[in-house]
Amino acid sequence: LQQRVADGLAFAEKAAELVSSLSVFSANEELEDINTGDLKYLLLPFLRAELILRIQPEEAAGCHDVRLKHLRHAAALLEAFLRDLEARRALRAEARAGWEEACADKPLDAAASRTLKVSRLRAASRAKKALEALEARARGAAAAASADRDDGDEEAGREAALVSLEACATAGVNSRLFTPLAVNRLRSSRSRRAPTRRS
């Protein structure tokens, strides 16, 4: 599994380099201005972050430091992903509220945070069902030919890309809110394990 994670991360890193070198996106492009075929490239920072979070350092001296480095790197990628979507007006209500929570100077009270989390879970569930419905529709359409096939394919492809983007934005918010908690837990664990010096 770890080899697959490493291979996937290397592929995503290379893809991100190509997207940057080819200037696929311009800074002032909003979501509606982006070609359908290019929408998937907006997901690269999210995919890289999720893969980094799945790296499990071998138990050895310094493994806590390696894990902290991975968490910070993933958090930076998630921030870049969400800021980019925000700038392109691509964050739906639930993801936008979660992103505002992540950027807040002080944490929300537990009840409000829990309410937002439930809203994101429901949004993720809706996005998953929508993707499944789109996939089923695409399979049905593949068996039928019509004069409007090309236009229908383009429309369905864009709808699927936007739903995927919504699902990943929601997941990205959840991961971004998780990373500071994971960093704090790791620091606490390292402090407890640190040997005490005798005077």
N, C-alpha and C. Protein backbone atom coordinates (compact mmCIF):
# COMPACT_ATOMS: atom_id res chain seq x y z
N LEU A 1 0.83 -1.21 0.00
CA LEU A 1 0.00 0.00 0.00
C LEU A 1 0.87 1.26 0.00
N GLN A 2 1.91 1.27 0.82
CA GLN A 2 2.77 2.45 0.89
C GLN A 2 3.47 2.72 -0.44
N GLN A 3 3.80 1.65 -1.18
CA GLN A 3 4.42 1.84 -2.49
C GLN A 3 3.43 2.47 -3.46
N ARG A 4 2.17 2.05 -3.37
CA ARG A 4 1.14 2.64 -4.23
C ARG A 4 0.94 4.12 -3.89
N VAL A 5 0.99 4.44 -2.60
CA VAL A 5 0.89 5.84 -2.18
C VAL A 5 2.04 6.66 -2.75
N ALA A 6 3.25 6.10 -2.64
CA ALA A 6 4.44 6.79 -3.15
C ALA A 6 4.36 6.99 -4.66
N ASP A 7 3.92 5.95 -5.38
CA ASP A 7 3.80 6.05 -6.83
C ASP A 7 2.74 7.09 -7.22
N GLY A 8 1.61 7.06 -6.51
CA GLY A 8 0.55 8.02 -6.80
C GLY A 8 0.99 9.45 -6.53
N LEU A 9 1.75 9.64 -5.45
CA LEU A 9 2.24 10.98 -5.10
C LEU A 9 3.22 11.48 -6.15
N ALA A 10 4.11 10.60 -6.60
CA ALA A 10 5.08 10.99 -7.63
C ALA A 10 4.36 11.40 -8.92
N PHE A 11 3.33 10.66 -9.28
CA PHE A 11 2.55 10.97 -10.48
C PHE A 11 1.85 12.32 -10.32
N ALA A 12 1.24 12.55 -9.15
CA ALA A 12 0.53 13.81 -8.90
C ALA A 12 1.49 15.00 -8.89
N GLU A 13 2.69 14.80 -8.32
CA GLU A 13 3.69 15.88 -8.29
C GLU A 13 4.11 16.25 -9.71
N LYS A 14 4.32 15.23 -10.54
CA LYS A 14 4.72 15.48 -11.93
C LYS A 14 3.61 16.21 -12.68
N ALA A 15 2.37 15.77 -12.46
CA ALA A 15 1.24 16.43 -13.12
C ALA A 15 1.14 17.89 -12.69
N ALA A 16 1.36 18.16 -11.40
CA ALA A 16 1.30 19.54 -10.90
C ALA A 16 2.37 20.40 -11.55
N GLU A 17 3.56 19.84 -11.73
CA GLU A 17 4.65 20.57 -12.39
C GLU A 17 4.26 20.93 -13.82
N LEU A 18 3.65 19.96 -14.53
CA LEU A 18 3.26 20.20 -15.91
C LEU A 18 2.17 21.27 -16.00
N VAL A 19 1.18 21.20 -15.11
CA VAL A 19 0.10 22.19 -15.10
C VAL A 19 0.67 23.58 -14.87
N SER A 20 1.64 23.68 -13.96
CA SER A 20 2.26 24.97 -13.68
C SER A 20 3.08 25.47 -14.87
N SER A 21 3.88 24.58 -15.45
CA SER A 21 4.76 24.99 -16.55
C SER A 21 3.97 25.37 -17.80
N LEU A 22 2.81 24.74 -17.99
CA LEU A 22 1.98 25.03 -19.16
C LEU A 22 1.00 26.17 -18.93
N SER A 23 0.99 26.72 -17.70
CA SER A 23 0.08 27.81 -17.35
C SER A 23 -1.37 27.49 -17.75
N VAL A 24 -1.83 26.33 -17.29
CA VAL A 24 -3.18 25.88 -17.63
C VAL A 24 -4.23 26.86 -17.13
N PHE A 25 -3.99 27.42 -15.94
CA PHE A 25 -4.96 28.36 -15.35
C PHE A 25 -4.35 29.75 -15.26
N SER A 26 -5.21 30.76 -15.44
CA SER A 26 -4.76 32.13 -15.19
C SER A 26 -5.35 32.57 -13.85
N ALA A 27 -4.69 33.52 -13.22
CA ALA A 27 -5.06 33.92 -11.86
C ALA A 27 -6.47 34.48 -11.77
N ASN A 28 -6.94 35.12 -12.83
CA ASN A 28 -8.25 35.78 -12.75
C ASN A 28 -9.39 34.93 -13.30
N GLU A 29 -9.13 33.68 -13.66
CA GLU A 29 -10.18 32.80 -14.16
C GLU A 29 -11.11 32.35 -13.04
N GLU A 30 -12.40 32.49 -13.25
CA GLU A 30 -13.37 31.92 -12.33
C GLU A 30 -13.79 30.55 -12.84
N LEU A 31 -14.50 29.83 -12.02
CA LEU A 31 -14.85 28.44 -12.33
C LEU A 31 -15.55 28.31 -13.68
N GLU A 32 -16.48 29.21 -13.96
CA GLU A 32 -17.26 29.12 -15.20
C GLU A 32 -16.42 29.38 -16.44
N ASP A 33 -15.22 29.99 -16.26
CA ASP A 33 -14.35 30.30 -17.40
C ASP A 33 -13.43 29.14 -17.75
N ILE A 34 -13.32 28.16 -16.89
CA ILE A 34 -12.35 27.07 -17.07
C ILE A 34 -12.95 25.98 -17.96
N ASN A 35 -12.15 25.51 -18.91
CA ASN A 35 -12.59 24.43 -19.79
C ASN A 35 -12.91 23.18 -18.98
N THR A 36 -13.92 22.45 -19.43
CA THR A 36 -14.34 21.24 -18.72
C THR A 36 -13.17 20.26 -18.55
N GLY A 37 -12.38 20.09 -19.59
CA GLY A 37 -11.27 19.14 -19.53
C GLY A 37 -10.18 19.53 -18.56
N ASP A 38 -10.15 20.81 -18.18
CA ASP A 38 -9.10 21.28 -17.26
C ASP A 38 -9.54 21.29 -15.80
N LEU A 39 -10.82 21.12 -15.55
CA LEU A 39 -11.32 21.21 -14.17
C LEU A 39 -10.65 20.21 -13.24
N LYS A 40 -10.35 19.03 -13.76
CA LYS A 40 -9.75 17.99 -12.91
C LYS A 40 -8.39 18.40 -12.36
N TYR A 41 -7.70 19.29 -13.06
CA TYR A 41 -6.37 19.70 -12.59
C TYR A 41 -6.44 20.60 -11.35
N LEU A 42 -7.61 21.18 -11.10
CA LEU A 42 -7.77 21.95 -9.86
C LEU A 42 -7.64 21.06 -8.63
N LEU A 43 -7.86 19.75 -8.81
CA LEU A 43 -7.84 18.81 -7.69
C LEU A 43 -6.43 18.39 -7.29
N LEU A 44 -5.43 18.72 -8.07
CA LEU A 44 -4.08 18.19 -7.81
C LEU A 44 -3.54 18.52 -6.41
N PRO A 45 -3.66 19.76 -5.91
CA PRO A 45 -3.17 20.01 -4.54
C PRO A 45 -3.89 19.16 -3.50
N PHE A 46 -5.20 18.98 -3.68
CA PHE A 46 -5.97 18.14 -2.76
C PHE A 46 -5.49 16.69 -2.81
N LEU A 47 -5.31 16.16 -4.01
CA LEU A 47 -4.87 14.77 -4.15
C LEU A 47 -3.48 14.57 -3.55
N ARG A 48 -2.59 15.53 -3.78
CA ARG A 48 -1.25 15.43 -3.21
C ARG A 48 -1.31 15.44 -1.69
N ALA A 49 -2.13 16.32 -1.13
CA ALA A 49 -2.26 16.40 0.33
C ALA A 49 -2.80 15.10 0.91
N GLU A 50 -3.83 14.55 0.28
CA GLU A 50 -4.44 13.32 0.80
C GLU A 50 -3.45 12.16 0.74
N LEU A 51 -2.65 12.10 -0.29
CA LEU A 51 -1.64 11.04 -0.40
C LEU A 51 -0.56 11.22 0.66
N ILE A 52 -0.14 12.46 0.89
CA ILE A 52 0.87 12.72 1.91
C ILE A 52 0.36 12.32 3.29
N LEU A 53 -0.92 12.58 3.56
CA LEU A 53 -1.49 12.20 4.86
C LEU A 53 -1.53 10.69 5.05
N ARG A 54 -1.45 9.95 3.95
CA ARG A 54 -1.50 8.49 4.03
C ARG A 54 -0.12 7.84 4.14
N ILE A 55 0.93 8.66 4.09
CA ILE A 55 2.28 8.12 4.25
C ILE A 55 2.49 7.74 5.71
N GLN A 56 2.95 6.54 5.94
CA GLN A 56 3.22 6.05 7.29
C GLN A 56 4.72 5.86 7.46
N PRO A 57 5.41 6.78 8.16
CA PRO A 57 6.85 6.63 8.36
C PRO A 57 7.15 5.37 9.17
N GLU A 58 8.26 4.74 8.85
CA GLU A 58 8.67 3.56 9.61
C GLU A 58 9.01 3.96 11.04
N GLU A 59 8.68 3.06 11.96
CA GLU A 59 8.99 3.31 13.37
C GLU A 59 10.51 3.33 13.56
N ALA A 60 11.04 4.49 13.77
CA ALA A 60 12.48 4.65 13.96
C ALA A 60 12.71 6.02 14.58
N ALA A 61 13.96 6.24 14.97
CA ALA A 61 14.30 7.54 15.53
C ALA A 61 14.00 8.63 14.51
N GLY A 62 13.31 9.66 14.93
CA GLY A 62 12.98 10.77 14.04
C GLY A 62 11.69 10.60 13.28
N CYS A 63 10.97 9.47 13.50
CA CYS A 63 9.74 9.25 12.73
C CYS A 63 8.67 10.30 13.07
N HIS A 64 8.67 10.78 14.33
CA HIS A 64 7.71 11.82 14.71
C HIS A 64 7.97 13.11 13.92
N ASP A 65 9.24 13.44 13.75
CA ASP A 65 9.59 14.65 13.00
C ASP A 65 9.16 14.52 11.53
N VAL A 66 9.34 13.32 10.97
CA VAL A 66 8.93 13.08 9.58
C VAL A 66 7.42 13.24 9.44
N ARG A 67 6.68 12.66 10.39
CA ARG A 67 5.23 12.76 10.35
C ARG A 67 4.77 14.21 10.50
N LEU A 68 5.42 14.98 11.38
CA LEU A 68 5.08 16.40 11.53
C LEU A 68 5.32 17.16 10.23
N LYS A 69 6.42 16.84 9.58
CA LYS A 69 6.73 17.48 8.30
C LYS A 69 5.65 17.17 7.27
N HIS A 70 5.21 15.92 7.23
CA HIS A 70 4.16 15.53 6.29
C HIS A 70 2.85 16.25 6.59
N LEU A 71 2.50 16.35 7.86
CA LEU A 71 1.26 17.02 8.25
C LEU A 71 1.29 18.49 7.84
N ARG A 72 2.41 19.15 8.06
CA ARG A 72 2.52 20.57 7.71
C ARG A 72 2.47 20.76 6.19
N HIS A 73 3.14 19.87 5.47
CA HIS A 73 3.12 19.95 4.01
C HIS A 73 1.71 19.75 3.48
N ALA A 74 1.01 18.76 4.02
CA ALA A 74 -0.37 18.49 3.60
C ALA A 74 -1.27 19.69 3.92
N ALA A 75 -1.10 20.27 5.10
CA ALA A 75 -1.91 21.43 5.48
C ALA A 75 -1.69 22.59 4.52
N ALA A 76 -0.43 22.81 4.12
CA ALA A 76 -0.13 23.89 3.18
C ALA A 76 -0.78 23.65 1.82
N LEU A 77 -0.76 22.40 1.36
CA LEU A 77 -1.39 22.07 0.08
C LEU A 77 -2.91 22.24 0.15
N LEU A 78 -3.49 21.82 1.26
CA LEU A 78 -4.94 21.97 1.43
C LEU A 78 -5.34 23.44 1.46
N GLU A 79 -4.53 24.25 2.13
CA GLU A 79 -4.80 25.69 2.16
C GLU A 79 -4.73 26.28 0.75
N ALA A 80 -3.71 25.87 -0.02
CA ALA A 80 -3.57 26.37 -1.38
C ALA A 80 -4.77 25.95 -2.23
N PHE A 81 -5.20 24.71 -2.06
CA PHE A 81 -6.36 24.18 -2.80
C PHE A 81 -7.62 24.98 -2.49
N LEU A 82 -7.89 25.19 -1.21
CA LEU A 82 -9.12 25.87 -0.81
C LEU A 82 -9.07 27.36 -1.13
N ARG A 83 -7.91 27.99 -0.99
CA ARG A 83 -7.79 29.40 -1.35
C ARG A 83 -8.01 29.58 -2.86
N ASP A 84 -7.49 28.64 -3.64
CA ASP A 84 -7.67 28.71 -5.09
C ASP A 84 -9.15 28.59 -5.46
N LEU A 85 -9.83 27.63 -4.84
CA LEU A 85 -11.27 27.48 -5.12
C LEU A 85 -12.05 28.71 -4.66
N GLU A 86 -11.66 29.26 -3.53
CA GLU A 86 -12.32 30.47 -3.03
C GLU A 86 -12.16 31.62 -4.03
N ALA A 87 -10.94 31.79 -4.53
CA ALA A 87 -10.67 32.87 -5.47
C ALA A 87 -11.44 32.69 -6.78
N ARG A 88 -11.68 31.44 -7.15
CA ARG A 88 -12.39 31.15 -8.40
C ARG A 88 -13.91 31.01 -8.19
N ARG A 89 -14.37 31.37 -7.00
CA ARG A 89 -15.79 31.28 -6.64
C ARG A 89 -16.32 29.86 -6.85
N ALA A 90 -15.55 28.89 -6.37
CA ALA A 90 -15.89 27.49 -6.59
C ALA A 90 -16.25 26.76 -5.30
N LEU A 91 -16.34 27.48 -4.18
CA LEU A 91 -16.69 26.84 -2.92
C LEU A 91 -18.19 26.94 -2.69
N ARG A 92 -18.83 25.79 -2.52
CA ARG A 92 -20.25 25.77 -2.18
C ARG A 92 -20.43 26.14 -0.70
N ALA A 93 -21.67 26.31 -0.29
CA ALA A 93 -21.97 26.85 1.04
C ALA A 93 -21.31 26.07 2.17
N GLU A 94 -21.44 24.73 2.16
CA GLU A 94 -20.91 23.93 3.27
C GLU A 94 -19.39 24.00 3.34
N ALA A 95 -18.75 23.86 2.19
CA ALA A 95 -17.29 23.92 2.16
C ALA A 95 -16.80 25.32 2.52
N ARG A 96 -17.50 26.34 2.04
CA ARG A 96 -17.10 27.71 2.35
C ARG A 96 -17.19 28.00 3.84
N ALA A 97 -18.26 27.51 4.48
CA ALA A 97 -18.41 27.71 5.93
C ALA A 97 -17.31 27.00 6.69
N GLY A 98 -16.96 25.80 6.25
CA GLY A 98 -15.87 25.07 6.90
C GLY A 98 -14.52 25.74 6.71
N TRP A 99 -14.31 26.30 5.52
CA TRP A 99 -13.06 27.01 5.24
C TRP A 99 -12.96 28.26 6.10
N GLU A 100 -14.08 28.95 6.27
CA GLU A 100 -14.08 30.13 7.16
C GLU A 100 -13.78 29.72 8.59
N GLU A 101 -14.28 28.55 9.00
CA GLU A 101 -13.97 28.04 10.34
C GLU A 101 -12.48 27.77 10.48
N ALA A 102 -11.88 27.18 9.44
CA ALA A 102 -10.45 26.87 9.49
C ALA A 102 -9.60 28.14 9.53
N CYS A 103 -10.10 29.22 8.93
CA CYS A 103 -9.34 30.48 8.87
C CYS A 103 -9.62 31.40 10.05
N ALA A 104 -10.59 31.04 10.89
CA ALA A 104 -10.98 31.92 11.99
C ALA A 104 -9.85 32.09 13.00
N ASP A 105 -9.78 33.28 13.61
CA ASP A 105 -8.75 33.56 14.60
C ASP A 105 -8.91 32.70 15.85
N LYS A 106 -10.13 32.42 16.23
CA LYS A 106 -10.36 31.55 17.37
C LYS A 106 -11.41 30.51 17.01
N PRO A 107 -11.31 29.32 17.58
CA PRO A 107 -12.22 28.23 17.21
C PRO A 107 -13.66 28.52 17.57
N LEU A 108 -14.57 27.93 16.79
CA LEU A 108 -15.99 28.02 17.10
C LEU A 108 -16.29 27.20 18.35
N ASP A 109 -17.43 27.48 18.96
CA ASP A 109 -17.81 26.63 20.09
C ASP A 109 -18.16 25.25 19.55
N ALA A 110 -18.13 24.26 20.43
CA ALA A 110 -18.27 22.86 20.03
C ALA A 110 -19.56 22.59 19.27
N ALA A 111 -20.66 23.19 19.72
CA ALA A 111 -21.96 22.95 19.08
C ALA A 111 -21.98 23.47 17.64
N ALA A 112 -21.46 24.68 17.43
CA ALA A 112 -21.44 25.26 16.08
C ALA A 112 -20.53 24.46 15.16
N SER A 113 -19.37 24.06 15.69
CA SER A 113 -18.44 23.26 14.90
C SER A 113 -19.07 21.93 14.50
N ARG A 114 -19.78 21.33 15.43
CA ARG A 114 -20.43 20.04 15.16
C ARG A 114 -21.53 20.20 14.10
N THR A 115 -22.28 21.29 14.17
CA THR A 115 -23.33 21.55 13.19
C THR A 115 -22.75 21.69 11.78
N LEU A 116 -21.64 22.43 11.68
CA LEU A 116 -21.00 22.59 10.38
C LEU A 116 -20.46 21.27 9.86
N LYS A 117 -19.92 20.45 10.76
CA LYS A 117 -19.39 19.16 10.35
C LYS A 117 -20.49 18.27 9.80
N VAL A 118 -21.65 18.26 10.47
CA VAL A 118 -22.79 17.47 10.00
C VAL A 118 -23.24 17.96 8.62
N SER A 119 -23.25 19.27 8.43
CA SER A 119 -23.63 19.83 7.13
C SER A 119 -22.68 19.38 6.03
N ARG A 120 -21.37 19.35 6.35
CA ARG A 120 -20.40 18.90 5.36
C ARG A 120 -20.57 17.42 5.04
N LEU A 121 -20.84 16.62 6.06
CA LEU A 121 -21.06 15.19 5.83
C LEU A 121 -22.27 14.96 4.93
N ARG A 122 -23.32 15.73 5.16
CA ARG A 122 -24.51 15.61 4.31
C ARG A 122 -24.22 16.05 2.88
N ALA A 123 -23.43 17.13 2.76
CA ALA A 123 -23.07 17.61 1.42
C ALA A 123 -22.23 16.57 0.69
N ALA A 124 -21.30 15.94 1.42
CA ALA A 124 -20.47 14.89 0.81
C ALA A 124 -21.32 13.71 0.37
N SER A 125 -22.30 13.35 1.18
CA SER A 125 -23.20 12.25 0.83
C SER A 125 -24.01 12.58 -0.42
N ARG A 126 -24.49 13.83 -0.50
CA ARG A 126 -25.25 14.24 -1.68
C ARG A 126 -24.38 14.20 -2.93
N ALA A 127 -23.14 14.66 -2.79
CA ALA A 127 -22.22 14.67 -3.93
C ALA A 127 -21.93 13.24 -4.40
N LYS A 128 -21.75 12.33 -3.45
CA LYS A 128 -21.49 10.94 -3.80
C LYS A 128 -22.66 10.34 -4.57
N LYS A 129 -23.88 10.59 -4.08
CA LYS A 129 -25.07 10.07 -4.76
C LYS A 129 -25.23 10.70 -6.14
N ALA A 130 -24.90 11.98 -6.25
CA ALA A 130 -25.00 12.66 -7.55
C ALA A 130 -24.01 12.07 -8.54
N LEU A 131 -22.78 11.77 -8.07
CA LEU A 131 -21.79 11.16 -8.95
C LEU A 131 -22.24 9.78 -9.41
N GLU A 132 -22.79 9.01 -8.48
CA GLU A 132 -23.28 7.67 -8.84
C GLU A 132 -24.39 7.77 -9.88
N ALA A 133 -25.28 8.74 -9.72
CA ALA A 133 -26.37 8.93 -10.69
C ALA A 133 -25.83 9.34 -12.05
N LEU A 134 -24.81 10.22 -12.05
CA LEU A 134 -24.21 10.65 -13.31
C LEU A 134 -23.51 9.49 -14.02
N GLU A 135 -22.82 8.65 -13.23
CA GLU A 135 -22.14 7.50 -13.82
C GLU A 135 -23.15 6.53 -14.43
N ALA A 136 -24.27 6.31 -13.72
CA ALA A 136 -25.31 5.42 -14.24
C ALA A 136 -25.91 5.99 -15.52
N ARG A 137 -26.12 7.32 -15.52
CA ARG A 137 -26.67 7.96 -16.72
C ARG A 137 -25.69 7.84 -17.90
N ALA A 138 -24.39 8.00 -17.60
CA ALA A 138 -23.39 7.90 -18.66
C ALA A 138 -23.34 6.49 -19.25
N ARG A 139 -23.47 5.48 -18.38
CA ARG A 139 -23.47 4.10 -18.88
C ARG A 139 -24.68 3.85 -19.77
N GLY A 140 -25.83 4.42 -19.38
CA GLY A 140 -27.03 4.26 -20.20
C GLY A 140 -26.92 4.98 -21.53
N ALA A 141 -26.32 6.17 -21.49
CA ALA A 141 -26.19 6.97 -22.71
C ALA A 141 -25.18 6.35 -23.67
N ALA A 142 -24.20 5.62 -23.13
CA ALA A 142 -23.17 5.02 -23.98
C ALA A 142 -23.77 4.01 -24.94
N ALA A 143 -24.90 3.43 -24.57
CA ALA A 143 -25.53 2.42 -25.42
C ALA A 143 -26.43 3.05 -26.48
N ALA A 144 -26.70 4.34 -26.36
CA ALA A 144 -27.62 5.00 -27.30
C ALA A 144 -26.88 6.08 -28.07
N ALA A 145 -27.09 6.14 -29.37
CA ALA A 145 -26.47 7.17 -30.20
C ALA A 145 -27.54 8.16 -30.64
N SER A 146 -27.16 9.46 -30.65
CA SER A 146 -28.11 10.48 -31.10
C SER A 146 -27.34 11.66 -31.65
N ALA A 147 -28.05 12.55 -32.33
CA ALA A 147 -27.40 13.73 -32.92
C ALA A 147 -26.89 14.66 -31.85
N ASP A 148 -27.50 14.60 -30.66
CA ASP A 148 -27.10 15.51 -29.58
C ASP A 148 -26.06 14.88 -28.67
N ARG A 149 -25.48 13.77 -29.09
CA ARG A 149 -24.58 13.00 -28.22
C ARG A 149 -23.39 13.84 -27.73
N ASP A 150 -22.74 14.58 -28.66
CA ASP A 150 -21.55 15.34 -28.27
C ASP A 150 -21.88 16.41 -27.24
N ASP A 151 -22.97 17.16 -27.49
CA ASP A 151 -23.37 18.19 -26.54
C ASP A 151 -23.75 17.58 -25.20
N GLY A 152 -24.43 16.45 -25.25
CA GLY A 152 -24.82 15.77 -24.01
C GLY A 152 -23.62 15.28 -23.24
N ASP A 153 -22.62 14.75 -23.95
CA ASP A 153 -21.40 14.28 -23.29
C ASP A 153 -20.67 15.42 -22.61
N GLU A 154 -20.59 16.56 -23.29
CA GLU A 154 -19.90 17.73 -22.72
C GLU A 154 -20.61 18.21 -21.45
N GLU A 155 -21.91 18.29 -21.53
CA GLU A 155 -22.69 18.76 -20.38
C GLU A 155 -22.57 17.80 -19.20
N ALA A 156 -22.69 16.50 -19.48
CA ALA A 156 -22.59 15.50 -18.41
C ALA A 156 -21.18 15.47 -17.82
N GLY A 157 -20.18 15.63 -18.69
CA GLY A 157 -18.79 15.63 -18.22
C GLY A 157 -18.51 16.81 -17.31
N ARG A 158 -19.04 17.97 -17.66
CA ARG A 158 -18.83 19.15 -16.81
C ARG A 158 -19.56 19.00 -15.49
N GLU A 159 -20.78 18.48 -15.54
CA GLU A 159 -21.54 18.28 -14.31
C GLU A 159 -20.81 17.32 -13.38
N ALA A 160 -20.26 16.24 -13.94
CA ALA A 160 -19.52 15.27 -13.12
C ALA A 160 -18.26 15.90 -12.53
N ALA A 161 -17.56 16.72 -13.32
CA ALA A 161 -16.35 17.38 -12.83
C ALA A 161 -16.67 18.34 -11.69
N LEU A 162 -17.77 19.07 -11.81
CA LEU A 162 -18.16 20.03 -10.77
C LEU A 162 -18.58 19.32 -9.49
N VAL A 163 -19.28 18.20 -9.63
CA VAL A 163 -19.68 17.43 -8.45
C VAL A 163 -18.44 16.86 -7.76
N SER A 164 -17.49 16.36 -8.55
CA SER A 164 -16.23 15.85 -7.97
C SER A 164 -15.49 16.95 -7.23
N LEU A 165 -15.48 18.14 -7.82
CA LEU A 165 -14.81 19.28 -7.19
C LEU A 165 -15.49 19.63 -5.86
N GLU A 166 -16.82 19.59 -5.85
CA GLU A 166 -17.55 19.88 -4.62
C GLU A 166 -17.23 18.85 -3.53
N ALA A 167 -17.20 17.57 -3.92
CA ALA A 167 -16.91 16.51 -2.95
C ALA A 167 -15.50 16.66 -2.39
N CYS A 168 -14.54 16.96 -3.26
CA CYS A 168 -13.15 17.10 -2.81
C CYS A 168 -12.96 18.36 -1.97
N ALA A 169 -13.68 19.42 -2.28
CA ALA A 169 -13.60 20.63 -1.46
C ALA A 169 -14.08 20.35 -0.04
N THR A 170 -15.19 19.61 0.06
CA THR A 170 -15.71 19.26 1.39
C THR A 170 -14.72 18.38 2.14
N ALA A 171 -14.16 17.38 1.45
CA ALA A 171 -13.17 16.51 2.08
C ALA A 171 -11.91 17.30 2.44
N GLY A 172 -11.55 18.26 1.59
CA GLY A 172 -10.37 19.08 1.86
C GLY A 172 -10.52 19.92 3.11
N VAL A 173 -11.72 20.46 3.31
CA VAL A 173 -11.99 21.23 4.54
C VAL A 173 -11.85 20.33 5.76
N ASN A 174 -12.43 19.14 5.69
CA ASN A 174 -12.33 18.21 6.82
C ASN A 174 -10.88 17.87 7.13
N SER A 175 -10.09 17.61 6.10
CA SER A 175 -8.68 17.28 6.31
C SER A 175 -7.91 18.47 6.86
N ARG A 176 -8.25 19.68 6.37
CA ARG A 176 -7.55 20.89 6.85
C ARG A 176 -7.86 21.13 8.32
N LEU A 177 -9.09 20.87 8.74
CA LEU A 177 -9.45 21.01 10.15
C LEU A 177 -8.80 19.92 11.00
N PHE A 178 -8.53 18.77 10.39
CA PHE A 178 -7.93 17.65 11.11
C PHE A 178 -6.44 17.85 11.36
N THR A 179 -5.72 18.46 10.42
CA THR A 179 -4.26 18.49 10.52
C THR A 179 -3.73 19.20 11.77
N PRO A 180 -4.28 20.34 12.21
CA PRO A 180 -3.76 20.94 13.46
C PRO A 180 -3.97 20.03 14.67
N LEU A 181 -5.10 19.32 14.69
CA LEU A 181 -5.35 18.39 15.79
C LEU A 181 -4.33 17.26 15.78
N ALA A 182 -4.02 16.76 14.59
CA ALA A 182 -3.03 15.68 14.48
C ALA A 182 -1.65 16.17 14.89
N VAL A 183 -1.30 17.40 14.52
CA VAL A 183 -0.01 17.97 14.92
C VAL A 183 0.08 18.07 16.44
N ASN A 184 -0.97 18.56 17.07
CA ASN A 184 -0.96 18.70 18.53
C ASN A 184 -0.86 17.34 19.23
N ARG A 185 -1.59 16.35 18.71
CA ARG A 185 -1.51 15.01 19.30
C ARG A 185 -0.11 14.43 19.17
N LEU A 186 0.50 14.65 18.02
CA LEU A 186 1.84 14.12 17.78
C LEU A 186 2.86 14.80 18.69
N ARG A 187 2.71 16.10 18.87
CA ARG A 187 3.62 16.81 19.77
C ARG A 187 3.46 16.32 21.21
N SER A 188 2.22 16.11 21.63
CA SER A 188 1.97 15.62 22.99
C SER A 188 2.56 14.23 23.17
N SER A 189 2.40 13.39 22.16
CA SER A 189 2.93 12.03 22.22
C SER A 189 4.45 12.05 22.31
N ARG A 190 5.07 12.93 21.53
CA ARG A 190 6.53 13.02 21.55
C ARG A 190 7.02 13.52 22.91
N SER A 191 6.28 14.47 23.50
CA SER A 191 6.67 15.00 24.81
C SER A 191 6.61 13.92 25.88
N ARG A 192 5.57 13.08 25.80
CA ARG A 192 5.44 12.01 26.80
C ARG A 192 6.52 10.96 26.66
N ARG A 193 6.95 10.74 25.40
CA ARG A 193 7.96 9.70 25.17
C ARG A 193 9.38 10.19 25.42
N ALA A 194 9.55 11.51 25.43
CA ALA A 194 10.91 12.06 25.61
C ALA A 194 11.47 11.65 26.96
N PRO A 195 12.70 11.13 27.00
CA PRO A 195 13.29 10.72 28.29
C PRO A 195 13.56 11.92 29.18
N THR A 196 13.33 11.76 30.45
CA THR A 196 13.61 12.84 31.41
C THR A 196 15.07 12.78 31.81
N ARG A 197 15.67 13.93 31.89
CA ARG A 197 17.08 13.99 32.27
C ARG A 197 17.23 14.04 33.78
N ARG A 198 18.16 13.26 34.27
CA ARG A 198 18.42 13.27 35.71
C ARG A 198 19.40 14.38 36.05
N SER A 199 19.11 15.04 37.15
CA SER A 199 20.00 16.14 37.57
C SER A 199 21.21 15.57 38.29
